[in-house]
């Protein structure tokens, strides 16, 4: 039983893809226009698929911006909903 739990925990730490911010990847993201724009044309610097995670990831269409927002946790999602439905904020960008 102890051996089985050890194997399962080791399997969970293996990511589907290895992601690291090497210079060529950063140059590619800059060329794609990541982190630029506003409103519906804003392109987030990090996309959900760029981060290896066992946690929750969300792509939610914004009510104010009309674009998909890439959120990496439930806390980011909850905060996004507060800002997106608040009358005090005209526009919000990803919280990364």
C-alpha atoms as a PDB file:
ATOM      1  CA  UNK A   1       0.000   0.000   0.000  1.00  0.00           C
ATOM      2  CA  UNK A   2       2.809   2.400   0.845  1.00  0.00           C
ATOM      3  CA  UNK A   3       4.568   1.742  -2.478  1.00  0.00           C
ATOM      4  CA  UNK A   4       1.371   2.401  -4.444  1.00  0.00           C
ATOM      5  CA  UNK A   5       0.887   5.855  -2.859  1.00  0.00           C
ATOM      6  CA  UNK A   6       4.497   6.761  -3.601  1.00  0.00           C
ATOM      7  CA  UNK A   7       4.110   5.861  -7.286  1.00  0.00           C
ATOM      8  CA  UNK A   8       0.855   7.814  -7.580  1.00  0.00           C
ATOM      9  CA  UNK A   9       2.409  10.945  -6.061  1.00  0.00           C
ATOM     10  CA  UNK A  10       5.382  10.724  -8.433  1.00  0.00           C
ATOM     11  CA  UNK A  11       3.053  10.475 -11.426  1.00  0.00           C
ATOM     12  CA  UNK A  12       1.218  13.646 -10.434  1.00  0.00           C
ATOM     13  CA  UNK A  13       4.372  15.763 -10.553  1.00  0.00           C
ATOM     14  CA  UNK A  14       5.041  15.005 -14.211  1.00  0.00           C
ATOM     15  CA  UNK A  15       3.720  17.774 -16.476  1.00  0.00           C
ATOM     16  CA  UNK A  16       2.222  17.069 -19.894  1.00  0.00           C
ATOM     17  CA  UNK A  17       4.690  19.469 -21.497  1.00  0.00           C
ATOM     18  CA  UNK A  18       7.849  21.001 -20.208  1.00  0.00           C
ATOM     19  CA  UNK A  19       7.509  24.770 -20.222  1.00  0.00           C
ATOM     20  CA  UNK A  20      10.238  27.219 -19.405  1.00  0.00           C
ATOM     21  CA  UNK A  21      10.710  30.841 -20.373  1.00  0.00           C
ATOM     22  CA  UNK A  22      13.760  30.540 -22.581  1.00  0.00           C
ATOM     23  CA  UNK A  23      14.817  33.529 -24.727  1.00  0.00           C
ATOM     24  CA  UNK A  24      13.502  32.076 -28.002  1.00  0.00           C
ATOM     25  CA  UNK A  25      10.079  31.437 -26.468  1.00  0.00           C
ATOM     26  CA  UNK A  26       9.930  34.971 -25.058  1.00  0.00           C
ATOM     27  CA  UNK A  27      10.862  36.389 -28.485  1.00  0.00           C
ATOM     28  CA  UNK A  28       8.107  34.286 -30.072  1.00  0.00           C
ATOM     29  CA  UNK A  29       5.549  35.585 -27.556  1.00  0.00           C
ATOM     30  CA  UNK A  30       6.644  39.186 -28.195  1.00  0.00           C
ATOM     31  CA  UNK A  31       6.250  38.613 -31.958  1.00  0.00           C
ATOM     32  CA  UNK A  32       2.732  37.220 -31.295  1.00  0.00           C
ATOM     33  CA  UNK A  33       1.891  40.476 -29.512  1.00  0.00           C
ATOM     34  CA  UNK A  34       1.351  38.924 -26.109  1.00  0.00           C
ATOM     35  CA  UNK A  35       0.689  41.387 -23.314  1.00  0.00           C
ATOM     36  CA  UNK A  36      -0.480  44.039 -25.786  1.00  0.00           C
ATOM     37  CA  UNK A  37      -3.766  45.484 -26.910  1.00  0.00           C
ATOM     38  CA  UNK A  38      -6.864  46.524 -25.043  1.00  0.00           C
ATOM     39  CA  UNK A  39     -10.451  45.406 -24.745  1.00  0.00           C
ATOM     40  CA  UNK A  40     -11.362  42.596 -27.114  1.00  0.00           C
ATOM     41  CA  UNK A  41      -7.974  42.789 -28.865  1.00  0.00           C
ATOM     42  CA  UNK A  42      -5.891  42.290 -25.675  1.00  0.00           C
ATOM     43  CA  UNK A  43      -3.639  39.215 -25.922  1.00  0.00           C
ATOM     44  CA  UNK A  44      -2.595  37.961 -22.451  1.00  0.00           C
ATOM     45  CA  UNK A  45       1.105  37.287 -21.800  1.00  0.00           C
ATOM     46  CA  UNK A  46       0.342  33.867 -20.295  1.00  0.00           C
ATOM     47  CA  UNK A  47      -2.238  31.552 -21.765  1.00  0.00           C
ATOM     48  CA  UNK A  48      -3.721  28.678 -19.769  1.00  0.00           C
ATOM     49  CA  UNK A  49      -1.889  26.091 -21.878  1.00  0.00           C
ATOM     50  CA  UNK A  50       1.498  27.773 -21.214  1.00  0.00           C
ATOM     51  CA  UNK A  51       1.534  26.772 -17.554  1.00  0.00           C
ATOM     52  CA  UNK A  52       1.879  23.181 -16.362  1.00  0.00           C
ATOM     53  CA  UNK A  53      -0.564  22.822 -13.506  1.00  0.00           C
ATOM     54  CA  UNK A  54      -2.530  20.236 -11.589  1.00  0.00           C
ATOM     55  CA  UNK A  55      -4.907  22.938 -10.435  1.00  0.00           C
ATOM     56  CA  UNK A  56      -7.860  24.517 -12.132  1.00  0.00           C
ATOM     57  CA  UNK A  57      -7.538  26.768 -15.137  1.00  0.00           C
ATOM     58  CA  UNK A  58     -10.305  28.874 -16.630  1.00  0.00           C
ATOM     59  CA  UNK A  59     -10.964  30.559 -19.965  1.00  0.00           C
ATOM     60  CA  UNK A  60     -13.905  32.847 -19.405  1.00  0.00           C
ATOM     61  CA  UNK A  61     -15.429  35.272 -21.889  1.00  0.00           C
ATOM     62  CA  UNK A  62     -15.546  38.727 -20.339  1.00  0.00           C
ATOM     63  CA  UNK A  63     -18.831  40.567 -20.253  1.00  0.00           C
ATOM     64  CA  UNK A  64     -17.144  43.982 -20.593  1.00  0.00           C
ATOM     65  CA  UNK A  65     -14.277  43.110 -22.935  1.00  0.00           C
ATOM     66  CA  UNK A  66     -15.925  40.458 -25.102  1.00  0.00           C
ATOM     67  CA  UNK A  67     -12.769  38.318 -25.135  1.00  0.00           C
ATOM     68  CA  UNK A  68     -11.531  35.184 -23.408  1.00  0.00           C
ATOM     69  CA  UNK A  69      -9.671  35.736 -20.139  1.00  0.00           C
ATOM     70  CA  UNK A  70      -7.066  33.126 -19.134  1.00  0.00           C
ATOM     71  CA  UNK A  71      -7.208  32.542 -15.378  1.00  0.00           C
ATOM     72  CA  UNK A  72      -4.999  30.102 -13.489  1.00  0.00           C
ATOM     73  CA  UNK A  73      -6.902  29.556 -10.227  1.00  0.00           C
ATOM     74  CA  UNK A  74     -10.304  29.725  -8.605  1.00  0.00           C
ATOM     75  CA  UNK A  75      -9.189  32.852  -6.756  1.00  0.00           C
ATOM     76  CA  UNK A  76      -8.343  34.630 -10.029  1.00  0.00           C
ATOM     77  CA  UNK A  77     -11.724  33.534 -11.413  1.00  0.00           C
ATOM     78  CA  UNK A  78     -13.601  34.871  -8.389  1.00  0.00           C
ATOM     79  CA  UNK A  79     -11.773  38.203  -8.524  1.00  0.00           C
ATOM     80  CA  UNK A  80     -12.389  38.384 -12.271  1.00  0.00           C
ATOM     81  CA  UNK A  81     -16.152  38.023 -11.723  1.00  0.00           C
ATOM     82  CA  UNK A  82     -16.099  40.807  -9.120  1.00  0.00           C
ATOM     83  CA  UNK A  83     -14.287  43.192 -11.493  1.00  0.00           C
ATOM     84  CA  UNK A  84     -16.201  42.151 -14.599  1.00  0.00           C
ATOM     85  CA  UNK A  85     -19.594  42.820 -12.994  1.00  0.00           C
ATOM     86  CA  UNK A  86     -18.527  45.887 -10.998  1.00  0.00           C
ATOM     87  CA  UNK A  87     -19.768  49.235 -12.238  1.00  0.00           C
ATOM     88  CA  UNK A  88     -16.593  50.910 -10.904  1.00  0.00           C
ATOM     89  CA  UNK A  89     -14.244  49.369 -13.510  1.00  0.00           C
ATOM     90  CA  UNK A  90     -14.543  50.221 -17.187  1.00  0.00           C
ATOM     91  CA  UNK A  91     -12.049  47.586 -18.379  1.00  0.00           C
ATOM     92  CA  UNK A  92      -9.960  44.877 -16.759  1.00  0.00           C
ATOM     93  CA  UNK A  93      -6.966  42.939 -18.013  1.00  0.00           C
ATOM     94  CA  UNK A  94      -5.808  39.541 -16.805  1.00  0.00           C
ATOM     95  CA  UNK A  95      -4.598  39.427 -13.234  1.00  0.00           C
ATOM     96  CA  UNK A  96      -1.190  37.881 -14.014  1.00  0.00           C
END
